[in-house]
Amino acid sequence: MDAFAAATDALFADPNIARDAIWRMGGLGPGIFVRVITRRPDEVAGFGDSRAILSTLLIDVRRSDVTAPASGDTVEIPGPSPGTSEIFQIIATPALDSLRLVWTCEAAEPP
């Protein structure tokens, strides 16, 4: 394992950064347990002379945990209260980082 892979593993192991989740391929089945990092950056979209700020959800997952994420997969993340959870659906083609260690997936709440 090289230094970058070790650093990535350390980030995903940190309870202050990453969270446990269940990844379901195609949104079906029992799923697999993974660690994910969620980010919610605002995206600015231009419409002529005006612009709108849209909220987005990005989910990072290690390639070693999910080798081929795809649009339609779901991610279940336990909520703050026991017995609660949030389910998100991958809505766009995931992208690998430059080191090919982490997938970044755009997600939304399923319809």
N, C-alpha and C. Protein backbone atom coordinates (compact mmCIF):
# COMPACT_ATOMS: atom_id res chain seq x y z
N MET A 1 0.85 -1.18 0.00
CA MET A 1 0.00 0.00 0.00
C MET A 1 0.90 1.24 0.00
N ASP A 2 0.56 2.19 -0.87
CA ASP A 2 1.37 3.40 -0.90
C ASP A 2 0.83 4.44 0.10
N ALA A 3 1.53 5.54 0.22
CA ALA A 3 1.18 6.57 1.20
C ALA A 3 -0.19 7.18 0.93
N PHE A 4 -0.55 7.35 -0.34
CA PHE A 4 -1.84 7.95 -0.66
C PHE A 4 -2.99 7.02 -0.28
N ALA A 5 -2.84 5.74 -0.53
CA ALA A 5 -3.86 4.78 -0.15
C ALA A 5 -4.00 4.71 1.36
N ALA A 6 -2.88 4.75 2.07
CA ALA A 6 -2.92 4.74 3.53
C ALA A 6 -3.61 5.99 4.08
N ALA A 7 -3.32 7.14 3.48
CA ALA A 7 -3.96 8.39 3.92
C ALA A 7 -5.46 8.35 3.64
N THR A 8 -5.84 7.82 2.49
CA THR A 8 -7.26 7.69 2.15
C THR A 8 -7.97 6.78 3.15
N ASP A 9 -7.36 5.65 3.46
CA ASP A 9 -7.94 4.73 4.43
C ASP A 9 -8.08 5.40 5.80
N ALA A 10 -7.11 6.21 6.20
CA ALA A 10 -7.19 6.92 7.48
C ALA A 10 -8.35 7.90 7.49
N LEU A 11 -8.56 8.62 6.39
CA LEU A 11 -9.69 9.56 6.32
C LEU A 11 -11.02 8.83 6.44
N PHE A 12 -11.16 7.71 5.74
CA PHE A 12 -12.41 6.97 5.79
C PHE A 12 -12.62 6.26 7.14
N ALA A 13 -11.56 6.04 7.89
CA ALA A 13 -11.68 5.43 9.22
C ALA A 13 -12.01 6.46 10.29
N ASP A 14 -11.77 7.73 10.02
CA ASP A 14 -11.99 8.79 11.02
C ASP A 14 -13.48 8.99 11.26
N PRO A 15 -13.96 8.82 12.51
CA PRO A 15 -15.39 8.98 12.80
C PRO A 15 -15.88 10.43 12.67
N ASN A 16 -14.97 11.38 12.64
CA ASN A 16 -15.37 12.77 12.47
C ASN A 16 -15.57 13.16 11.01
N ILE A 17 -15.09 12.33 10.10
CA ILE A 17 -15.16 12.64 8.67
C ILE A 17 -16.10 11.69 7.93
N ALA A 18 -15.94 10.41 8.15
CA ALA A 18 -16.71 9.40 7.41
C ALA A 18 -17.77 8.77 8.30
N ARG A 19 -18.76 8.16 7.62
CA ARG A 19 -19.86 7.51 8.34
C ARG A 19 -20.10 6.12 7.75
N ASP A 20 -20.66 5.25 8.59
CA ASP A 20 -21.07 3.93 8.11
C ASP A 20 -22.27 4.08 7.19
N ALA A 21 -22.38 3.20 6.22
CA ALA A 21 -23.51 3.22 5.30
C ALA A 21 -23.72 1.84 4.72
N ILE A 22 -24.86 1.66 4.08
CA ILE A 22 -25.15 0.43 3.35
C ILE A 22 -25.32 0.82 1.89
N TRP A 23 -24.53 0.20 1.01
CA TRP A 23 -24.56 0.48 -0.43
C TRP A 23 -25.31 -0.65 -1.11
N ARG A 24 -26.35 -0.30 -1.87
CA ARG A 24 -27.14 -1.30 -2.59
C ARG A 24 -27.01 -1.08 -4.10
N MET A 25 -26.42 -2.05 -4.78
CA MET A 25 -26.30 -1.99 -6.24
C MET A 25 -27.69 -2.04 -6.86
N GLY A 26 -27.99 -1.06 -7.69
CA GLY A 26 -29.30 -1.01 -8.32
C GLY A 26 -30.43 -0.71 -7.34
N GLY A 27 -30.08 -0.40 -6.10
CA GLY A 27 -31.08 -0.10 -5.08
C GLY A 27 -31.76 -1.31 -4.50
N LEU A 28 -31.24 -2.51 -4.79
CA LEU A 28 -31.89 -3.75 -4.36
C LEU A 28 -30.97 -4.59 -3.49
N GLY A 29 -31.57 -5.51 -2.77
CA GLY A 29 -30.80 -6.49 -2.01
C GLY A 29 -30.39 -5.97 -0.64
N PRO A 30 -29.68 -6.84 0.10
CA PRO A 30 -29.28 -6.47 1.45
C PRO A 30 -28.18 -5.41 1.49
N GLY A 31 -27.39 -5.30 0.43
CA GLY A 31 -26.34 -4.29 0.37
C GLY A 31 -25.05 -4.72 1.04
N ILE A 32 -24.06 -3.84 0.94
CA ILE A 32 -22.77 -4.08 1.57
C ILE A 32 -22.46 -2.91 2.49
N PHE A 33 -21.77 -3.20 3.57
CA PHE A 33 -21.39 -2.15 4.51
C PHE A 33 -20.15 -1.44 4.00
N VAL A 34 -20.21 -0.11 3.98
CA VAL A 34 -19.11 0.72 3.51
C VAL A 34 -18.98 1.93 4.43
N ARG A 35 -17.90 2.67 4.24
CA ARG A 35 -17.73 3.97 4.89
C ARG A 35 -17.83 5.02 3.79
N VAL A 36 -18.56 6.09 4.05
CA VAL A 36 -18.74 7.15 3.06
C VAL A 36 -18.43 8.50 3.69
N ILE A 37 -18.04 9.43 2.83
CA ILE A 37 -17.88 10.83 3.22
C ILE A 37 -18.89 11.61 2.42
N THR A 38 -19.75 12.36 3.10
CA THR A 38 -20.75 13.15 2.41
C THR A 38 -20.35 14.62 2.40
N ARG A 39 -20.67 15.27 1.29
CA ARG A 39 -20.43 16.71 1.16
C ARG A 39 -21.67 17.33 0.55
N ARG A 40 -22.01 18.52 0.99
CA ARG A 40 -23.19 19.21 0.48
C ARG A 40 -22.83 20.61 0.00
N PRO A 41 -22.03 20.70 -1.06
CA PRO A 41 -21.68 22.03 -1.56
C PRO A 41 -22.83 22.63 -2.35
N ASP A 42 -22.94 23.94 -2.31
CA ASP A 42 -23.92 24.62 -3.15
C ASP A 42 -23.35 24.76 -4.56
N GLU A 43 -24.21 24.59 -5.54
CA GLU A 43 -23.81 24.73 -6.94
C GLU A 43 -24.53 25.95 -7.50
N VAL A 44 -23.80 26.78 -8.19
CA VAL A 44 -24.38 27.98 -8.79
C VAL A 44 -24.70 27.68 -10.25
N ALA A 45 -25.97 27.87 -10.61
CA ALA A 45 -26.40 27.64 -11.99
C ALA A 45 -26.85 28.97 -12.59
N GLY A 46 -26.33 29.29 -13.76
CA GLY A 46 -26.69 30.53 -14.41
C GLY A 46 -27.86 30.36 -15.36
N PHE A 47 -28.77 31.33 -15.36
CA PHE A 47 -29.92 31.38 -16.26
C PHE A 47 -29.98 32.78 -16.84
N GLY A 48 -29.36 32.96 -18.00
CA GLY A 48 -29.32 34.30 -18.59
C GLY A 48 -28.54 35.24 -17.69
N ASP A 49 -29.19 36.34 -17.28
CA ASP A 49 -28.53 37.31 -16.41
C ASP A 49 -28.71 37.00 -14.93
N SER A 50 -29.44 35.97 -14.62
CA SER A 50 -29.64 35.62 -13.21
C SER A 50 -28.94 34.30 -12.90
N ARG A 51 -28.90 33.99 -11.64
CA ARG A 51 -28.30 32.73 -11.23
C ARG A 51 -29.06 32.18 -10.05
N ALA A 52 -28.99 30.89 -9.89
CA ALA A 52 -29.66 30.20 -8.79
C ALA A 52 -28.63 29.37 -8.05
N ILE A 53 -28.82 29.26 -6.76
CA ILE A 53 -27.95 28.42 -5.94
C ILE A 53 -28.71 27.14 -5.62
N LEU A 54 -28.17 26.03 -6.07
CA LEU A 54 -28.80 24.73 -5.90
C LEU A 54 -28.00 23.91 -4.89
N SER A 55 -28.71 23.27 -3.98
CA SER A 55 -28.00 22.40 -3.05
C SER A 55 -27.73 21.07 -3.72
N THR A 56 -26.57 20.51 -3.48
CA THR A 56 -26.20 19.22 -4.05
C THR A 56 -25.71 18.31 -2.94
N LEU A 57 -25.66 17.03 -3.22
CA LEU A 57 -25.12 16.04 -2.29
C LEU A 57 -24.12 15.19 -3.04
N LEU A 58 -22.89 15.16 -2.55
CA LEU A 58 -21.85 14.32 -3.11
C LEU A 58 -21.48 13.27 -2.07
N ILE A 59 -21.35 12.04 -2.51
CA ILE A 59 -20.97 10.94 -1.63
C ILE A 59 -19.68 10.35 -2.16
N ASP A 60 -18.66 10.32 -1.31
CA ASP A 60 -17.38 9.70 -1.65
C ASP A 60 -17.33 8.31 -1.04
N VAL A 61 -16.88 7.34 -1.82
CA VAL A 61 -16.73 5.97 -1.35
C VAL A 61 -15.44 5.41 -1.94
N ARG A 62 -14.74 4.60 -1.15
CA ARG A 62 -13.48 4.02 -1.64
C ARG A 62 -13.74 3.02 -2.76
N ARG A 63 -12.88 3.06 -3.74
CA ARG A 63 -12.98 2.12 -4.86
C ARG A 63 -12.79 0.69 -4.36
N SER A 64 -12.01 0.52 -3.31
CA SER A 64 -11.81 -0.83 -2.76
C SER A 64 -13.09 -1.38 -2.13
N ASP A 65 -14.04 -0.51 -1.76
CA ASP A 65 -15.32 -0.94 -1.19
C ASP A 65 -16.39 -1.16 -2.25
N VAL A 66 -16.45 -0.24 -3.22
CA VAL A 66 -17.44 -0.33 -4.30
C VAL A 66 -16.68 -0.17 -5.61
N THR A 67 -16.53 -1.26 -6.33
CA THR A 67 -15.69 -1.24 -7.54
C THR A 67 -16.35 -0.57 -8.73
N ALA A 68 -17.68 -0.62 -8.81
CA ALA A 68 -18.36 -0.06 -9.99
C ALA A 68 -19.70 0.57 -9.60
N PRO A 69 -19.68 1.70 -8.91
CA PRO A 69 -20.95 2.36 -8.58
C PRO A 69 -21.63 2.84 -9.87
N ALA A 70 -22.95 2.95 -9.81
CA ALA A 70 -23.68 3.36 -11.01
C ALA A 70 -24.92 4.15 -10.63
N SER A 71 -25.41 4.90 -11.58
CA SER A 71 -26.66 5.61 -11.39
C SER A 71 -27.75 4.59 -11.07
N GLY A 72 -28.54 4.87 -10.06
CA GLY A 72 -29.57 3.93 -9.62
C GLY A 72 -29.21 3.19 -8.35
N ASP A 73 -27.93 3.13 -8.00
CA ASP A 73 -27.53 2.54 -6.72
C ASP A 73 -28.10 3.41 -5.59
N THR A 74 -28.31 2.81 -4.43
CA THR A 74 -28.76 3.59 -3.27
C THR A 74 -27.77 3.45 -2.13
N VAL A 75 -27.76 4.48 -1.28
CA VAL A 75 -26.90 4.51 -0.11
C VAL A 75 -27.78 4.83 1.08
N GLU A 76 -27.75 3.97 2.08
CA GLU A 76 -28.51 4.20 3.30
C GLU A 76 -27.54 4.59 4.41
N ILE A 77 -27.79 5.78 4.98
CA ILE A 77 -26.92 6.31 6.03
C ILE A 77 -27.74 6.44 7.30
N PRO A 78 -27.29 5.81 8.41
CA PRO A 78 -28.04 5.93 9.65
C PRO A 78 -28.20 7.39 10.06
N GLY A 79 -29.40 7.71 10.58
CA GLY A 79 -29.69 9.08 11.02
C GLY A 79 -29.18 9.34 12.42
N PRO A 80 -29.41 10.56 12.90
CA PRO A 80 -28.91 10.93 14.23
C PRO A 80 -29.62 10.22 15.37
N SER A 81 -30.88 9.81 15.14
CA SER A 81 -31.63 9.11 16.18
C SER A 81 -31.61 7.62 15.89
N PRO A 82 -31.57 6.79 16.94
CA PRO A 82 -31.58 5.33 16.72
C PRO A 82 -32.81 4.90 15.94
N GLY A 83 -32.60 4.00 14.98
CA GLY A 83 -33.71 3.49 14.19
C GLY A 83 -34.10 4.36 13.00
N THR A 84 -33.39 5.47 12.80
CA THR A 84 -33.69 6.33 11.65
C THR A 84 -32.55 6.24 10.65
N SER A 85 -32.88 6.49 9.40
CA SER A 85 -31.85 6.51 8.37
C SER A 85 -32.30 7.37 7.21
N GLU A 86 -31.33 7.77 6.40
CA GLU A 86 -31.60 8.52 5.18
C GLU A 86 -31.18 7.64 4.02
N ILE A 87 -31.98 7.63 2.97
CA ILE A 87 -31.65 6.86 1.77
C ILE A 87 -31.46 7.84 0.62
N PHE A 88 -30.35 7.68 -0.09
CA PHE A 88 -30.05 8.52 -1.23
C PHE A 88 -29.82 7.64 -2.45
N GLN A 89 -30.17 8.17 -3.61
CA GLN A 89 -29.97 7.45 -4.86
C GLN A 89 -28.90 8.15 -5.68
N ILE A 90 -28.00 7.37 -6.25
CA ILE A 90 -26.97 7.93 -7.13
C ILE A 90 -27.68 8.34 -8.42
N ILE A 91 -27.47 9.62 -8.84
CA ILE A 91 -28.24 10.15 -9.96
C ILE A 91 -27.39 10.50 -11.18
N ALA A 92 -26.10 10.35 -11.10
CA ALA A 92 -25.23 10.67 -12.23
C ALA A 92 -24.08 9.67 -12.28
N THR A 93 -23.37 9.69 -13.37
CA THR A 93 -22.23 8.78 -13.51
C THR A 93 -21.14 9.14 -12.51
N PRO A 94 -20.74 8.21 -11.64
CA PRO A 94 -19.68 8.49 -10.67
C PRO A 94 -18.34 8.77 -11.35
N ALA A 95 -17.50 9.55 -10.66
CA ALA A 95 -16.18 9.89 -11.20
C ALA A 95 -15.10 9.46 -10.21
N LEU A 96 -14.01 8.91 -10.74
CA LEU A 96 -12.86 8.53 -9.91
C LEU A 96 -11.94 9.72 -9.72
N ASP A 97 -11.28 9.78 -8.57
CA ASP A 97 -10.28 10.82 -8.35
C ASP A 97 -9.04 10.51 -9.19
N SER A 98 -8.09 11.43 -9.21
CA SER A 98 -6.91 11.27 -10.08
C SER A 98 -6.04 10.08 -9.70
N LEU A 99 -6.10 9.65 -8.44
CA LEU A 99 -5.31 8.50 -8.00
C LEU A 99 -6.08 7.18 -8.14
N ARG A 100 -7.35 7.29 -8.56
CA ARG A 100 -8.20 6.13 -8.77
C ARG A 100 -8.46 5.36 -7.48
N LEU A 101 -8.57 6.10 -6.37
CA LEU A 101 -8.83 5.49 -5.07
C LEU A 101 -10.25 5.73 -4.57
N VAL A 102 -10.86 6.85 -4.97
CA VAL A 102 -12.15 7.26 -4.41
C VAL A 102 -13.12 7.64 -5.53
N TRP A 103 -14.33 7.10 -5.44
CA TRP A 103 -15.41 7.49 -6.32
C TRP A 103 -16.15 8.68 -5.71
N THR A 104 -16.49 9.67 -6.51
CA THR A 104 -17.37 10.75 -6.09
C THR A 104 -18.67 10.57 -6.85
N CYS A 105 -19.76 10.49 -6.09
CA CYS A 105 -21.08 10.18 -6.67
C CYS A 105 -22.05 11.29 -6.31
N GLU A 106 -22.75 11.82 -7.31
CA GLU A 106 -23.80 12.80 -7.04
C GLU A 106 -25.06 12.03 -6.67
N ALA A 107 -25.72 12.49 -5.61
CA ALA A 107 -26.87 11.76 -5.10
C ALA A 107 -28.02 12.71 -4.76
N ALA A 108 -29.20 12.13 -4.61
CA ALA A 108 -30.39 12.87 -4.22
C ALA A 108 -31.31 11.91 -3.48
N GLU A 109 -32.29 12.48 -2.80
CA GLU A 109 -33.29 11.63 -2.17
C GLU A 109 -34.12 11.00 -3.28
N PRO A 110 -34.42 9.70 -3.16
CA PRO A 110 -35.18 9.05 -4.24
C PRO A 110 -36.59 9.63 -4.33
N PRO A 111 -37.15 9.58 -5.54
CA PRO A 111 -38.51 10.14 -5.72
C PRO A 111 -39.56 9.34 -4.99
